[in-house]
Amino acid sequence: MEDVFHTLPAMKVPDAMNRLDQIENRNVQALGGLHGDRGNLRFYRENNGQNAFKIEWGVAKEQGFMNPDCILISGHEKGVEWKPFLDAGLVPLAHSHPFHRDRITSSRALADRGVLWDDINGASPNQNLTARLKVFPSAGDFAFCAAQGLATHIVKTPYCVVKELHPKIVWIVNPDVAHFAAALRLHFRIFDVVELNRGHYRGQLEAMCGNQIFWHKRDVHAYGGGGGGLTF
């Protein structure tokens, strides 16, 4: 399949997840050592990997093994086509979000280089819903977890987490702001998602940078699936 990439010997979970991290860190070395469609690999490596950073990538693992093999799946700007891998009995472990500024109407860049974390996580009275849609997982991600009965699913994002101690605040910053390019990336863990009624989902969500959980929301609601946002 043109969108499937693997290694010899096969990738295990830590290596596959590290490759997603490297993609979000805009490191073309993430594609090193992969086997798959040569034309696609050549395309993704062009322009120092810029083509690879503009699409979503997924990781699927074997089911029912203590130390499962994994594959890396290339998607498109809007998502990963999971169905063939679900049909093959694989488990969707994680996916990454893209970053690009190609078109004004679909740019993944945050305005003014970044946004306050409290302005998108429900804490402050005036929420920046446009930024929340770009940064957070989608309602479709929650619907997907419920439909597939996933205990947990990881969403890696390209955005940088910048913490200030005085005052104690957190910023979410575009990855192409040179001053913060080395900062840890934001990623989410979705878990315990259930469908309360038709098209209405509830689950838990953790926000992490590195191995540190810095935000946890127990009752996150999603409606209708698709590219819509979350409410909390």
C-alpha atoms as a PDB file:
ATOM      1  CA  MET A   1       0.000   0.000   0.000  1.00  0.00           C
ATOM      2  CA  GLU A   2       1.331   3.400  -0.962  1.00  0.00           C
ATOM      3  CA  ASP A   3       0.591   4.947   2.415  1.00  0.00           C
ATOM      4  CA  VAL A   4       2.237   2.267   4.599  1.00  0.00           C
ATOM      5  CA  PHE A   5       5.815   2.509   5.860  1.00  0.00           C
ATOM      6  CA  HIS A   6       7.763   0.097   8.039  1.00  0.00           C
ATOM      7  CA  THR A   7      11.279  -0.758   9.190  1.00  0.00           C
ATOM      8  CA  LEU A   8      13.397  -3.902   9.264  1.00  0.00           C
ATOM      9  CA  PRO A   9      13.261  -5.200  11.908  1.00  0.00           C
ATOM     10  CA  ALA A  10       9.733  -3.987  12.563  1.00  0.00           C
ATOM     11  CA  MET A  11       9.074  -0.834  14.574  1.00  0.00           C
ATOM     12  CA  LYS A  12       7.926  -1.257  18.144  1.00  0.00           C
ATOM     13  CA  VAL A  13       5.707   1.246  19.931  1.00  0.00           C
ATOM     14  CA  PRO A  14       8.501   3.485  21.344  1.00  0.00           C
ATOM     15  CA  ASP A  15      10.189   3.879  17.947  1.00  0.00           C
ATOM     16  CA  ALA A  16       6.910   4.549  16.142  1.00  0.00           C
ATOM     17  CA  MET A  17       5.866   7.174  18.686  1.00  0.00           C
ATOM     18  CA  ASN A  18       9.311   8.762  18.547  1.00  0.00           C
ATOM     19  CA  ARG A  19       8.937   9.125  14.781  1.00  0.00           C
ATOM     20  CA  LEU A  20       5.683  11.026  15.290  1.00  0.00           C
ATOM     21  CA  ASP A  21       7.496  13.253  17.781  1.00  0.00           C
ATOM     22  CA  GLN A  22      10.253  13.906  15.263  1.00  0.00           C
ATOM     23  CA  ILE A  23       7.724  14.764  12.550  1.00  0.00           C
ATOM     24  CA  GLU A  24       6.118  17.288  14.895  1.00  0.00           C
ATOM     25  CA  ASN A  25       9.607  18.624  15.629  1.00  0.00           C
ATOM     26  CA  ARG A  26       9.975  19.139  11.870  1.00  0.00           C
ATOM     27  CA  ASN A  27      12.925  16.778  11.689  1.00  0.00           C
ATOM     28  CA  VAL A  28      13.252  15.072   8.308  1.00  0.00           C
ATOM     29  CA  GLN A  29      15.328  12.325   9.969  1.00  0.00           C
ATOM     30  CA  ALA A  30      11.995  10.915  11.168  1.00  0.00           C
ATOM     31  CA  LEU A  31      11.680   9.348   7.693  1.00  0.00           C
ATOM     32  CA  GLY A  32      15.117   7.724   7.822  1.00  0.00           C
ATOM     33  CA  GLY A  33      15.295   3.959   7.491  1.00  0.00           C
ATOM     34  CA  LEU A  34      11.693   3.578   6.376  1.00  0.00           C
ATOM     35  CA  HIS A  35      10.635   1.051   3.756  1.00  0.00           C
ATOM     36  CA  GLY A  36       7.630   1.643   1.538  1.00  0.00           C
ATOM     37  CA  ASP A  37       6.652   3.359  -1.677  1.00  0.00           C
ATOM     38  CA  ARG A  38       9.865   4.966  -2.941  1.00  0.00           C
ATOM     39  CA  GLY A  39       8.105   7.713  -4.862  1.00  0.00           C
ATOM     40  CA  ASN A  40       6.129   8.808  -1.821  1.00  0.00           C
ATOM     41  CA  LEU A  41       9.190   8.682   0.425  1.00  0.00           C
ATOM     42  CA  ARG A  42      11.087  10.827  -2.067  1.00  0.00           C
ATOM     43  CA  PHE A  43       8.204  13.310  -2.167  1.00  0.00           C
ATOM     44  CA  TYR A  44       7.941  13.521   1.632  1.00  0.00           C
ATOM     45  CA  ARG A  45      11.685  14.122   1.980  1.00  0.00           C
ATOM     46  CA  GLU A  46      11.741  16.982  -0.520  1.00  0.00           C
ATOM     47  CA  ASN A  47      12.321  20.552   0.669  1.00  0.00           C
ATOM     48  CA  ASN A  48      13.837  19.292   3.919  1.00  0.00           C
ATOM     49  CA  GLY A  49      10.707  17.331   4.757  1.00  0.00           C
ATOM     50  CA  GLN A  50       8.212  20.151   4.280  1.00  0.00           C
ATOM     51  CA  ASN A  51       5.814  17.873   2.383  1.00  0.00           C
ATOM     52  CA  ALA A  52       5.771  15.432   5.310  1.00  0.00           C
ATOM     53  CA  PHE A  53       4.991  18.133   7.858  1.00  0.00           C
ATOM     54  CA  LYS A  54       1.840  19.287   6.029  1.00  0.00           C
ATOM     55  CA  ILE A  55      -0.070  16.020   6.434  1.00  0.00           C
ATOM     56  CA  GLU A  56      -1.310  13.840   9.264  1.00  0.00           C
ATOM     57  CA  TRP A  57       0.531  10.621  10.111  1.00  0.00           C
ATOM     58  CA  GLY A  58      -0.828   7.638  11.987  1.00  0.00           C
ATOM     59  CA  VAL A  59       0.624   4.745  13.960  1.00  0.00           C
ATOM     60  CA  ALA A  60      -1.169   1.409  13.992  1.00  0.00           C
ATOM     61  CA  LYS A  61      -0.085  -1.606  16.023  1.00  0.00           C
ATOM     62  CA  GLU A  62      -0.765  -5.313  16.076  1.00  0.00           C
ATOM     63  CA  GLN A  63      -3.539  -6.498  18.339  1.00  0.00           C
ATOM     64  CA  GLY A  64      -3.095  -9.112  21.053  1.00  0.00           C
ATOM     65  CA  PHE A  65       0.705  -9.086  21.393  1.00  0.00           C
ATOM     66  CA  MET A  66       2.762  -8.085  24.426  1.00  0.00           C
ATOM     67  CA  ASN A  67       5.304  -6.205  22.278  1.00  0.00           C
ATOM     68  CA  PRO A  68       3.407  -5.417  19.060  1.00  0.00           C
ATOM     69  CA  ASP A  69       4.891  -4.452  15.711  1.00  0.00           C
ATOM     70  CA  CYS A  70       3.858  -1.051  14.347  1.00  0.00           C
ATOM     71  CA  ILE A  71       3.519   0.651  10.993  1.00  0.00           C
ATOM     72  CA  LEU A  72       3.577   4.324  10.066  1.00  0.00           C
ATOM     73  CA  ILE A  73       0.715   5.534   7.843  1.00  0.00           C
ATOM     74  CA  SER A  74       0.782   8.689   5.735  1.00  0.00           C
ATOM     75  CA  GLY A  75      -2.495  10.563   5.511  1.00  0.00           C
ATOM     76  CA  HIS A  76      -3.482  13.967   4.140  1.00  0.00           C
ATOM     77  CA  GLU A  77      -4.129  17.421   5.571  1.00  0.00           C
ATOM     78  CA  LYS A  78      -7.487  16.401   7.046  1.00  0.00           C
ATOM     79  CA  GLY A  79      -6.729  12.985   8.457  1.00  0.00           C
ATOM     80  CA  VAL A  80      -5.589   9.374   8.075  1.00  0.00           C
ATOM     81  CA  GLU A  81      -7.583   6.765   6.155  1.00  0.00           C
ATOM     82  CA  TRP A  82      -7.844   4.166   8.919  1.00  0.00           C
ATOM     83  CA  LYS A  83     -10.408   1.782   7.411  1.00  0.00           C
ATOM     84  CA  PRO A  84      -8.052  -0.661   5.605  1.00  0.00           C
ATOM     85  CA  PHE A  85      -6.019  -1.055   8.795  1.00  0.00           C
ATOM     86  CA  LEU A  86      -9.073  -1.495  10.975  1.00  0.00           C
ATOM     87  CA  ASP A  87     -10.296  -4.153   8.540  1.00  0.00           C
ATOM     88  CA  ALA A  88      -6.913  -5.873   8.921  1.00  0.00           C
ATOM     89  CA  GLY A  89      -7.328  -5.984  12.704  1.00  0.00           C
ATOM     90  CA  LEU A  90      -4.762  -3.319  13.570  1.00  0.00           C
ATOM     91  CA  VAL A  91      -5.228  -0.867  16.455  1.00  0.00           C
ATOM     92  CA  PRO A  92      -4.961   2.904  15.815  1.00  0.00           C
ATOM     93  CA  LEU A  93      -2.476   3.957  18.479  1.00  0.00           C
ATOM     94  CA  ALA A  94      -1.856   7.603  17.606  1.00  0.00           C
ATOM     95  CA  HIS A  95      -1.891  10.262  14.928  1.00  0.00           C
ATOM     96  CA  SER A  96      -0.151  13.572  14.383  1.00  0.00           C
ATOM     97  CA  HIS A  97      -1.517  16.946  13.343  1.00  0.00           C
ATOM     98  CA  PRO A  98       0.029  18.855  10.422  1.00  0.00           C
ATOM     99  CA  PHE A  99       1.343  22.388  10.259  1.00  0.00           C
ATOM    100  CA  HIS A 100       1.335  24.644   7.220  1.00  0.00           C
ATOM    101  CA  ARG A 101       0.634  28.219   6.172  1.00  0.00           C
ATOM    102  CA  ASP A 102      -0.133  27.440   2.515  1.00  0.00           C
ATOM    103  CA  ARG A 103      -3.616  28.936   2.335  1.00  0.00           C
ATOM    104  CA  ILE A 104      -5.169  31.648   4.471  1.00  0.00           C
ATOM    105  CA  THR A 105      -8.474  29.802   4.808  1.00  0.00           C
ATOM    106  CA  SER A 106      -6.865  26.544   5.946  1.00  0.00           C
ATOM    107  CA  SER A 107      -3.663  27.734   7.622  1.00  0.00           C
ATOM    108  CA  ARG A 108      -2.759  25.785  10.758  1.00  0.00           C
ATOM    109  CA  ALA A 109      -0.868  28.767  12.187  1.00  0.00           C
ATOM    110  CA  LEU A 110      -2.120  30.509  15.311  1.00  0.00           C
ATOM    111  CA  ALA A 111      -2.655  34.264  15.093  1.00  0.00           C
ATOM    112  CA  ASP A 112      -0.020  36.505  16.682  1.00  0.00           C
ATOM    113  CA  ARG A 113       2.392  33.557  16.859  1.00  0.00           C
ATOM    114  CA  GLY A 114       0.555  31.880  19.745  1.00  0.00           C
ATOM    115  CA  VAL A 115      -2.241  31.793  22.304  1.00  0.00           C
ATOM    116  CA  LEU A 116      -2.583  31.595  26.080  1.00  0.00           C
ATOM    117  CA  TRP A 117      -3.413  28.059  27.170  1.00  0.00           C
ATOM    118  CA  ASP A 118      -6.180  29.307  29.488  1.00  0.00           C
ATOM    119  CA  ASP A 119      -7.790  31.071  26.517  1.00  0.00           C
ATOM    120  CA  ILE A 120      -8.490  27.743  24.810  1.00  0.00           C
ATOM    121  CA  ASN A 121      -8.966  25.246  27.667  1.00  0.00           C
ATOM    122  CA  GLY A 122     -12.157  26.691  29.187  1.00  0.00           C
ATOM    123  CA  ALA A 123     -10.473  28.447  32.121  1.00  0.00           C
ATOM    124  CA  SER A 124     -10.865  32.084  31.082  1.00  0.00           C
ATOM    125  CA  PRO A 125     -14.269  33.671  30.367  1.00  0.00           C
ATOM    126  CA  ASN A 126     -13.468  34.631  26.758  1.00  0.00           C
ATOM    127  CA  GLN A 127     -12.356  31.573  24.832  1.00  0.00           C
ATOM    128  CA  ASN A 128     -10.506  31.729  21.517  1.00  0.00           C
ATOM    129  CA  LEU A 129     -12.527  29.066  19.716  1.00  0.00           C
ATOM    130  CA  THR A 130     -10.665  29.467  16.426  1.00  0.00           C
ATOM    131  CA  ALA A 131      -7.377  28.627  18.128  1.00  0.00           C
ATOM    132  CA  ARG A 132      -9.001  25.809  20.115  1.00  0.00           C
ATOM    133  CA  LEU A 133     -10.112  24.155  16.873  1.00  0.00           C
ATOM    134  CA  LYS A 134      -6.534  24.196  15.591  1.00  0.00           C
ATOM    135  CA  VAL A 135      -4.817  23.032  18.762  1.00  0.00           C
ATOM    136  CA  PHE A 136      -7.159  20.490  20.379  1.00  0.00           C
ATOM    137  CA  PRO A 137      -8.285  17.103  19.068  1.00  0.00           C
ATOM    138  CA  SER A 138     -11.510  17.232  17.089  1.00  0.00           C
ATOM    139  CA  ALA A 139     -14.986  15.964  17.847  1.00  0.00           C
ATOM    140  CA  GLY A 140     -14.272  13.428  15.115  1.00  0.00           C
ATOM    141  CA  ASP A 141     -11.334  12.084  17.147  1.00  0.00           C
ATOM    142  CA  PHE A 142     -13.689  11.449  20.086  1.00  0.00           C
ATOM    143  CA  ALA A 143     -16.283   9.814  17.830  1.00  0.00           C
ATOM    144  CA  PHE A 144     -13.559   7.625  16.306  1.00  0.00           C
ATOM    145  CA  CYS A 145     -12.382   6.445  19.742  1.00  0.00           C
ATOM    146  CA  ALA A 146     -15.941   5.554  20.744  1.00  0.00           C
ATOM    147  CA  ALA A 147     -16.722   3.765  17.467  1.00  0.00           C
ATOM    148  CA  GLN A 148     -13.556   1.648  17.627  1.00  0.00           C
ATOM    149  CA  GLY A 149     -13.734   0.981  21.355  1.00  0.00           C
ATOM    150  CA  LEU A 150     -10.269   2.431  21.908  1.00  0.00           C
ATOM    151  CA  ALA A 151      -9.149   2.527  25.529  1.00  0.00           C
ATOM    152  CA  THR A 152      -6.782   5.368  24.684  1.00  0.00           C
ATOM    153  CA  HIS A 153      -5.555   7.305  21.658  1.00  0.00           C
ATOM    154  CA  ILE A 154      -2.692   9.806  21.382  1.00  0.00           C
ATOM    155  CA  VAL A 155      -2.850  13.003  19.321  1.00  0.00           C
ATOM    156  CA  LYS A 156       0.509  14.667  18.666  1.00  0.00           C
ATOM    157  CA  THR A 157       0.513  18.338  17.680  1.00  0.00           C
ATOM    158  CA  PRO A 158       3.227  20.580  16.208  1.00  0.00           C
ATOM    159  CA  TYR A 159       2.592  23.430  18.656  1.00  0.00           C
ATOM    160  CA  CYS A 160       5.216  24.370  21.241  1.00  0.00           C
ATOM    161  CA  VAL A 161       4.480  24.587  24.965  1.00  0.00           C
ATOM    162  CA  VAL A 162       6.144  27.614  26.573  1.00  0.00           C
ATOM    163  CA  LYS A 163       5.850  28.026  30.345  1.00  0.00           C
ATOM    164  CA  GLU A 164       6.525  31.223  32.259  1.00  0.00           C
ATOM    165  CA  LEU A 165       7.061  31.038  36.013  1.00  0.00           C
ATOM    166  CA  HIS A 166       6.349  34.682  36.872  1.00  0.00           C
ATOM    167  CA  PRO A 167       3.452  34.865  36.449  1.00  0.00           C
ATOM    168  CA  LYS A 168       2.764  31.128  36.140  1.00  0.00           C
ATOM    169  CA  ILE A 169       1.216  30.914  32.686  1.00  0.00           C
ATOM    170  CA  VAL A 170       1.447  28.630  29.672  1.00  0.00           C
ATOM    171  CA  TRP A 171       1.576  29.709  26.031  1.00  0.00           C
ATOM    172  CA  ILE A 172       0.919  27.553  22.960  1.00  0.00           C
ATOM    173  CA  VAL A 173       3.176  28.813  20.174  1.00  0.00           C
ATOM    174  CA  ASN A 174       3.561  28.147  16.447  1.00  0.00           C
ATOM    175  CA  PRO A 175       6.435  25.742  15.719  1.00  0.00           C
ATOM    176  CA  ASP A 176       8.028  28.032  13.127  1.00  0.00           C
ATOM    177  CA  VAL A 177       8.741  30.789  15.660  1.00  0.00           C
ATOM    178  CA  ALA A 178      12.516  30.403  15.687  1.00  0.00           C
ATOM    179  CA  HIS A 179      12.977  31.472  19.316  1.00  0.00           C
ATOM    180  CA  PHE A 180      10.806  28.570  20.545  1.00  0.00           C
ATOM    181  CA  ALA A 181      11.649  25.928  17.929  1.00  0.00           C
ATOM    182  CA  ALA A 182      13.370  23.707  20.504  1.00  0.00           C
ATOM    183  CA  ALA A 183      10.482  23.821  23.006  1.00  0.00           C
ATOM    184  CA  LEU A 184       8.569  20.642  23.823  1.00  0.00           C
ATOM    185  CA  ARG A 185       5.553  19.900  21.640  1.00  0.00           C
ATOM    186  CA  LEU A 186       2.002  19.618  22.916  1.00  0.00           C
ATOM    187  CA  HIS A 187       0.239  16.288  22.719  1.00  0.00           C
ATOM    188  CA  PHE A 188      -3.015  14.891  24.033  1.00  0.00           C
ATOM    189  CA  ARG A 189      -4.245  11.569  25.389  1.00  0.00           C
ATOM    190  CA  ILE A 190      -7.920  10.785  24.775  1.00  0.00           C
ATOM    191  CA  PHE A 191      -9.440   8.051  26.923  1.00  0.00           C
ATOM    192  CA  ASP A 192     -12.670   6.678  28.421  1.00  0.00           C
ATOM    193  CA  VAL A 193     -14.794   7.961  25.522  1.00  0.00           C
ATOM    194  CA  VAL A 194     -18.418   6.823  25.475  1.00  0.00           C
ATOM    195  CA  GLU A 195     -21.366   7.744  23.266  1.00  0.00           C
ATOM    196  CA  LEU A 196     -24.048   9.109  25.586  1.00  0.00           C
ATOM    197  CA  ASN A 197     -26.647   9.294  22.832  1.00  0.00           C
ATOM    198  CA  ARG A 198     -26.587   9.518  19.054  1.00  0.00           C
ATOM    199  CA  GLY A 199     -23.742  11.857  18.075  1.00  0.00           C
ATOM    200  CA  HIS A 200     -22.998  12.995  21.647  1.00  0.00           C
ATOM    201  CA  TYR A 201     -19.720  11.760  23.142  1.00  0.00           C
ATOM    202  CA  ARG A 202     -18.053  12.247  26.501  1.00  0.00           C
ATOM    203  CA  GLY A 203     -14.507  11.375  27.483  1.00  0.00           C
ATOM    204  CA  GLN A 204     -11.404  12.434  29.337  1.00  0.00           C
ATOM    205  CA  LEU A 205      -8.505  14.418  27.950  1.00  0.00           C
ATOM    206  CA  GLU A 206      -4.955  15.009  29.142  1.00  0.00           C
ATOM    207  CA  ALA A 207      -2.547  17.604  27.768  1.00  0.00           C
ATOM    208  CA  MET A 208       1.136  16.755  27.947  1.00  0.00           C
ATOM    209  CA  CYS A 209       4.541  18.110  27.024  1.00  0.00           C
ATOM    210  CA  GLY A 210       7.294  15.534  27.139  1.00  0.00           C
ATOM    211  CA  ASN A 211       6.216  13.019  29.766  1.00  0.00           C
ATOM    212  CA  GLN A 212       4.541  15.617  31.981  1.00  0.00           C
ATOM    213  CA  ILE A 213       0.763  15.945  32.264  1.00  0.00           C
ATOM    214  CA  PHE A 214       0.018  19.623  32.845  1.00  0.00           C
ATOM    215  CA  TRP A 215      -3.766  19.636  32.290  1.00  0.00           C
ATOM    216  CA  HIS A 216      -6.526  17.072  32.741  1.00  0.00           C
ATOM    217  CA  LYS A 217     -10.218  17.463  31.993  1.00  0.00           C
ATOM    218  CA  ARG A 218     -12.599  14.727  33.092  1.00  0.00           C
ATOM    219  CA  ASP A 219     -15.814  15.687  31.284  1.00  0.00           C
ATOM    220  CA  VAL A 220     -15.058  16.673  27.706  1.00  0.00           C
ATOM    221  CA  HIS A 221     -18.026  16.630  25.351  1.00  0.00           C
ATOM    222  CA  ALA A 222     -18.099  16.288  21.574  1.00  0.00           C
ATOM    223  CA  TYR A 223     -21.100  16.515  19.281  1.00  0.00           C
ATOM    224  CA  GLY A 224     -21.606  15.125  15.804  1.00  0.00           C
ATOM    225  CA  GLY A 225     -18.054  14.045  15.060  1.00  0.00           C
ATOM    226  CA  GLY A 226     -16.288  15.491  12.034  1.00  0.00           C
ATOM    227  CA  GLY A 227     -14.006  18.485  12.343  1.00  0.00           C
ATOM    228  CA  GLY A 228     -16.035  20.227  15.023  1.00  0.00           C
ATOM    229  CA  GLY A 229     -14.645  21.319  18.350  1.00  0.00           C
ATOM    230  CA  LEU A 230     -14.867  20.070  21.913  1.00  0.00           C
ATOM    231  CA  THR A 231     -16.800  21.630  24.778  1.00  0.00           C
ATOM    232  CA  PHE A 232     -15.803  21.734  28.443  1.00  0.00           C
END
